[in-house]
């Protein structure tokens, strides 16, 4: 065997191209942005073609004259609505977290009456549509008990009560996901049940439940629009007020839709960041 025969495999190995180096974050970001731009262009072209076909097949339809100036002229109303929407969502979410954790603890209790009450509450609150629940509380319950609820109070209460049922199940699953051996280990070092739960079990359960809780907040942002039915001046109600002043339905409701899109996509992006941060 000659030297050439021995060196041939080594030469082939050296000449074989290695794995490609990963692209930098700037190149990935640029590629992603161009991908989205291309997608939006395609959607705009398809929409324009569809609109042209509709007008060609329906010649009696009067062409709509767009006037986007009303969005800037009534933009202060939309901004006020955004403030109300975000405020209602944050307050309702905080209250839902507190109530949901309490209901979850009742659901896990060894006392049958507490466990049954929590189970009933969870099943009932999740079975009623939120729209129906808001109308029932504001217009029905207020008559029976003789109390006129403020629209804001009724809206926050309904969002809190219903979302607490969903969050209770999220907390329950998170607590039960913690290994039971950790309870035993905490007892072994002299911790009381309360200390074990607050210092050891609950922090781990919260870490497990952060992604679904964040997803629930995205849903809260969207469902907050339903409180407009009882007169809360959040984004949709403010948009309706602007429409009543200008009669420009398409422009203003398109702006409201875009605002909700920005809010929910931003919240969804935060959810993704939270999931990556707390991933095991």
Protein backbone atom coordinates (compact mmCIF):
# COMPACT_ATOMS: atom_id res chain seq x y z
CA UNK A 1 0.00 0.00 0.00
CA UNK A 2 1.55 3.29 -1.08
CA UNK A 3 1.57 6.65 0.59
CA UNK A 4 -1.00 7.92 -1.91
CA UNK A 5 -3.46 5.19 -0.97
CA UNK A 6 -3.12 5.99 2.72
CA UNK A 7 -3.46 9.75 2.26
CA UNK A 8 -6.47 9.60 -0.09
CA UNK A 9 -9.14 9.21 2.66
CA UNK A 10 -7.55 12.03 4.64
CA UNK A 11 -7.57 14.32 1.62
CA UNK A 12 -11.22 13.51 0.88
CA UNK A 13 -12.14 14.27 4.48
CA UNK A 14 -10.34 17.60 4.40
CA UNK A 15 -11.97 18.54 1.11
CA UNK A 16 -15.47 17.66 2.31
CA UNK A 17 -17.35 20.89 3.13
CA UNK A 18 -18.37 21.14 6.76
CA UNK A 19 -21.78 22.15 8.05
CA UNK A 20 -22.88 25.61 7.04
CA UNK A 21 -22.52 28.22 9.74
CA UNK A 22 -25.83 29.51 10.99
CA UNK A 23 -26.90 32.83 9.62
CA UNK A 24 -26.73 35.82 11.92
CA UNK A 25 -29.80 37.19 13.63
CA UNK A 26 -29.78 40.23 11.33
CA UNK A 27 -30.00 38.06 8.22
CA UNK A 28 -32.76 35.94 9.77
CA UNK A 29 -34.70 39.06 10.75
CA UNK A 30 -34.32 40.50 7.25
CA UNK A 31 -35.47 37.25 5.65
CA UNK A 32 -38.47 37.10 8.00
CA UNK A 33 -39.46 40.70 7.28
CA UNK A 34 -39.19 40.20 3.52
CA UNK A 35 -41.29 37.05 3.86
CA UNK A 36 -44.02 39.00 5.65
CA UNK A 37 -43.83 41.83 3.13
CA UNK A 38 -44.24 39.35 0.29
CA UNK A 39 -47.19 37.72 2.03
CA UNK A 40 -48.91 41.09 2.57
CA UNK A 41 -48.35 42.05 -1.06
CA UNK A 42 -49.94 38.80 -2.19
CA UNK A 43 -52.92 39.38 0.09
CA UNK A 44 -53.38 42.94 -1.17
CA UNK A 45 -53.23 41.80 -4.80
CA UNK A 46 -55.72 38.99 -4.18
CA UNK A 47 -58.05 41.38 -2.35
CA UNK A 48 -57.85 43.94 -5.16
CA UNK A 49 -58.64 41.27 -7.75
CA UNK A 50 -61.59 40.01 -5.68
CA UNK A 51 -62.92 43.56 -5.27
CA UNK A 52 -62.58 44.22 -9.00
CA UNK A 53 -64.46 41.02 -9.82
CA UNK A 54 -67.26 41.93 -7.42
CA UNK A 55 -67.65 45.36 -9.00
CA UNK A 56 -67.58 43.93 -12.53
CA UNK A 57 -70.27 41.36 -11.71
CA UNK A 58 -72.38 43.92 -9.79
CA UNK A 59 -72.35 47.12 -11.87
CA UNK A 60 -75.22 48.61 -9.85
CA UNK A 61 -72.98 48.86 -6.77
CA UNK A 62 -71.82 52.45 -6.22
CA UNK A 63 -67.99 52.56 -5.83
CA UNK A 64 -67.05 53.30 -2.25
CA UNK A 65 -65.04 56.47 -1.70
CA UNK A 66 -62.51 55.94 1.06
CA UNK A 67 -61.80 58.75 3.50
CA UNK A 68 -59.08 57.76 5.94
CA UNK A 69 -58.85 61.26 7.37
CA UNK A 70 -61.59 60.38 9.84
CA UNK A 71 -59.21 57.96 11.54
CA UNK A 72 -56.81 60.78 12.40
CA UNK A 73 -59.63 63.21 13.17
CA UNK A 74 -61.29 60.76 15.59
CA UNK A 75 -58.08 59.07 16.64
CA UNK A 76 -58.31 60.52 20.15
CA UNK A 77 -61.48 58.49 20.71
CA UNK A 78 -59.75 55.31 19.62
CA UNK A 79 -56.78 56.03 21.88
CA UNK A 80 -59.13 56.54 24.82
CA UNK A 81 -60.72 53.23 23.95
CA UNK A 82 -57.33 51.51 23.90
CA UNK A 83 -56.60 52.85 27.39
CA UNK A 84 -59.90 51.49 28.67
CA UNK A 85 -59.41 48.15 26.93
CA UNK A 86 -55.94 47.59 28.34
CA UNK A 87 -56.95 48.83 31.79
CA UNK A 88 -60.02 46.59 31.96
CA UNK A 89 -58.02 43.59 30.76
CA UNK A 90 -55.20 44.10 33.27
CA UNK A 91 -57.50 44.68 36.25
CA UNK A 92 -59.73 41.74 35.35
CA UNK A 93 -56.70 39.49 34.82
CA UNK A 94 -55.19 40.33 38.21
CA UNK A 95 -58.49 39.68 39.99
CA UNK A 96 -58.99 36.48 38.00
CA UNK A 97 -55.57 35.20 39.03
CA UNK A 98 -56.32 35.75 42.72
CA UNK A 99 -59.80 34.23 42.55
CA UNK A 100 -58.68 31.40 40.28
CA UNK A 101 -55.91 30.38 42.67
CA UNK A 102 -58.37 30.34 45.56
CA UNK A 103 -60.83 28.20 43.62
CA UNK A 104 -58.02 25.85 42.59
CA UNK A 105 -57.06 25.35 46.24
CA UNK A 106 -60.69 24.62 47.07
CA UNK A 107 -60.79 22.17 44.17
CA UNK A 108 -57.78 20.34 45.63
CA UNK A 109 -59.10 20.45 49.18
CA UNK A 110 -59.76 17.26 51.12
CA UNK A 111 -62.99 18.80 52.47
CA UNK A 112 -65.83 17.52 50.25
CA UNK A 113 -68.10 20.62 50.48
CA UNK A 114 -65.27 22.95 49.43
CA UNK A 115 -64.25 20.63 46.62
CA UNK A 116 -67.83 20.31 45.37
CA UNK A 117 -68.44 24.06 45.44
CA UNK A 118 -65.26 24.70 43.48
CA UNK A 119 -66.13 22.01 40.94
CA UNK A 120 -69.62 23.46 40.47
CA UNK A 121 -68.25 26.98 40.06
CA UNK A 122 -65.68 25.89 37.47
CA UNK A 123 -68.19 23.93 35.41
CA UNK A 124 -70.88 26.64 35.48
CA UNK A 125 -68.56 29.58 34.77
CA UNK A 126 -66.97 27.84 31.79
CA UNK A 127 -70.30 26.68 30.35
CA UNK A 128 -71.97 30.11 30.06
CA UNK A 129 -71.00 32.29 27.06
CA UNK A 130 -69.40 35.51 28.24
CA UNK A 131 -71.77 37.67 26.21
CA UNK A 132 -74.80 36.03 27.83
CA UNK A 133 -73.19 36.24 31.27
CA UNK A 134 -72.58 39.99 30.96
CA UNK A 135 -76.18 40.67 29.91
CA UNK A 136 -77.57 38.40 32.65
CA UNK A 137 -75.56 40.08 35.39
CA UNK A 138 -76.07 43.67 34.25
CA UNK A 139 -79.73 43.52 33.28
CA UNK A 140 -81.05 40.50 35.19
CA UNK A 141 -79.24 40.13 38.49
CA UNK A 142 -79.32 43.88 39.11
CA UNK A 143 -83.13 43.84 38.99
CA UNK A 144 -83.44 40.85 41.33
CA UNK A 145 -81.14 42.20 44.04
CA UNK A 146 -82.14 45.84 43.53
CA UNK A 147 -78.65 47.15 42.81
CA UNK A 148 -77.75 49.22 39.76
CA UNK A 149 -74.27 48.11 38.77
CA UNK A 150 -71.95 50.62 37.17
CA UNK A 151 -71.12 49.36 33.67
CA UNK A 152 -67.39 49.25 34.41
CA UNK A 153 -67.91 47.32 37.65
CA UNK A 154 -70.26 44.85 35.98
CA UNK A 155 -67.88 44.33 33.04
CA UNK A 156 -64.82 43.74 35.20
CA UNK A 157 -66.81 41.46 37.53
CA UNK A 158 -68.08 39.31 34.65
CA UNK A 159 -64.65 38.98 33.05
CA UNK A 160 -63.14 38.13 36.44
CA UNK A 161 -65.72 35.55 37.41
CA UNK A 162 -65.61 33.72 34.11
CA UNK A 163 -61.86 33.74 33.58
CA UNK A 164 -61.29 32.65 37.18
CA UNK A 165 -62.96 29.35 36.31
CA UNK A 166 -60.50 28.70 33.48
CA UNK A 167 -57.52 29.87 35.52
CA UNK A 168 -58.55 27.65 38.43
CA UNK A 169 -58.14 24.59 36.23
CA UNK A 170 -54.80 25.89 34.97
CA UNK A 171 -53.55 26.37 38.53
CA UNK A 172 -54.88 22.97 39.57
CA UNK A 173 -53.05 21.20 36.76
CA UNK A 174 -49.88 23.14 37.54
CA UNK A 175 -49.97 22.22 41.22
CA UNK A 176 -50.66 18.57 40.46
CA UNK A 177 -47.79 18.55 37.96
CA UNK A 178 -45.26 19.13 40.75
CA UNK A 179 -43.72 15.83 41.84
CA UNK A 180 -45.31 14.55 45.05
CA UNK A 181 -41.91 13.63 46.40
CA UNK A 182 -41.20 17.31 46.90
CA UNK A 183 -44.01 17.52 49.44
CA UNK A 184 -42.46 14.62 51.31
CA UNK A 185 -38.99 16.18 51.12
CA UNK A 186 -40.27 19.46 52.52
CA UNK A 187 -41.94 17.65 55.41
CA UNK A 188 -38.67 15.83 56.01
CA UNK A 189 -36.81 19.08 56.63
CA UNK A 190 -39.45 20.32 59.06
CA UNK A 191 -41.66 22.51 56.86
CA UNK A 192 -45.34 22.86 57.63
CA UNK A 193 -47.89 22.22 54.85
CA UNK A 194 -48.38 25.98 54.40
CA UNK A 195 -44.65 26.61 54.20
CA UNK A 196 -44.21 23.74 51.76
CA UNK A 197 -46.91 25.09 49.49
CA UNK A 198 -45.91 28.77 49.51
CA UNK A 199 -42.13 28.26 49.41
CA UNK A 200 -41.72 25.13 47.29
CA UNK A 201 -44.82 23.97 45.43
CA UNK A 202 -46.47 27.24 44.37
CA UNK A 203 -43.36 28.79 42.71
CA UNK A 204 -42.90 25.67 40.59
CA UNK A 205 -46.60 25.53 39.73
CA UNK A 206 -46.56 29.18 38.65
CA UNK A 207 -43.57 28.52 36.43
CA UNK A 208 -45.42 25.65 34.79
CA UNK A 209 -48.62 27.66 34.28
CA UNK A 210 -47.09 30.92 33.00
CA UNK A 211 -47.53 30.09 29.26
CA UNK A 212 -51.25 29.17 29.50
CA UNK A 213 -51.89 32.13 31.81
CA UNK A 214 -50.28 34.44 29.25
CA UNK A 215 -52.51 32.92 26.56
CA UNK A 216 -55.52 33.63 28.75
CA UNK A 217 -54.51 37.30 28.87
CA UNK A 218 -54.54 37.41 25.06
CA UNK A 219 -58.09 36.07 25.20
CA UNK A 220 -58.96 38.66 27.85
CA UNK A 221 -57.86 41.46 25.52
CA UNK A 222 -60.23 40.24 22.83
CA UNK A 223 -63.14 39.41 25.13
CA UNK A 224 -62.99 42.85 26.75
CA UNK A 225 -64.76 44.13 23.62
CA UNK A 226 -67.94 42.42 24.83
CA UNK A 227 -68.40 44.85 27.72
CA UNK A 228 -69.29 47.53 25.16
CA UNK A 229 -72.78 46.03 25.11
CA UNK A 230 -73.45 47.50 28.58
CA UNK A 231 -71.96 50.91 27.82
CA UNK A 232 -68.33 50.61 28.90
CA UNK A 233 -66.32 53.02 26.77
CA UNK A 234 -63.60 50.66 25.65
CA UNK A 235 -62.28 50.49 22.09
CA UNK A 236 -65.40 49.17 20.35
CA UNK A 237 -67.72 51.56 22.19
CA UNK A 238 -65.51 54.52 21.33
CA UNK A 239 -65.41 53.35 17.72
CA UNK A 240 -69.20 53.23 17.66
CA UNK A 241 -69.28 56.78 19.00
CA UNK A 242 -66.90 57.92 16.27
CA UNK A 243 -69.00 56.16 13.63
CA UNK A 244 -72.15 57.90 14.87
CA UNK A 245 -70.40 61.24 14.38
CA UNK A 246 -68.90 60.61 10.94
CA UNK A 247 -70.88 57.72 9.40
CA UNK A 248 -67.59 56.24 8.13
CA UNK A 249 -68.04 52.65 9.23
CA UNK A 250 -65.39 50.93 7.14
CA UNK A 251 -62.49 53.24 7.95
CA UNK A 252 -63.12 53.42 11.70
CA UNK A 253 -63.91 49.74 12.22
CA UNK A 254 -60.85 48.87 10.11
CA UNK A 255 -58.75 51.05 12.40
CA UNK A 256 -60.25 49.35 15.47
CA UNK A 257 -59.52 45.95 13.93
CA UNK A 258 -55.93 46.97 13.26
CA UNK A 259 -55.53 48.15 16.86
CA UNK A 260 -56.83 44.83 18.20
CA UNK A 261 -54.48 43.06 15.81
CA UNK A 262 -51.49 45.01 17.14
CA UNK A 263 -52.53 44.41 20.75
CA UNK A 264 -53.10 40.69 20.37
CA UNK A 265 -50.04 40.06 18.20
CA UNK A 266 -47.92 42.02 20.65
CA UNK A 267 -49.33 40.06 23.57
CA UNK A 268 -48.82 36.80 21.65
CA UNK A 269 -45.20 37.74 21.03
CA UNK A 270 -44.78 38.37 24.74
CA UNK A 271 -46.28 34.93 25.36
CA UNK A 272 -43.65 33.36 23.11
CA UNK A 273 -40.87 35.18 24.93
CA UNK A 274 -42.25 34.06 28.29
CA UNK A 275 -42.47 30.45 27.11
CA UNK A 276 -38.85 30.53 25.97
CA UNK A 277 -37.75 32.18 29.20
CA UNK A 278 -39.45 29.68 31.52
CA UNK A 279 -39.06 26.56 29.41
CA UNK A 280 -37.62 23.65 31.38
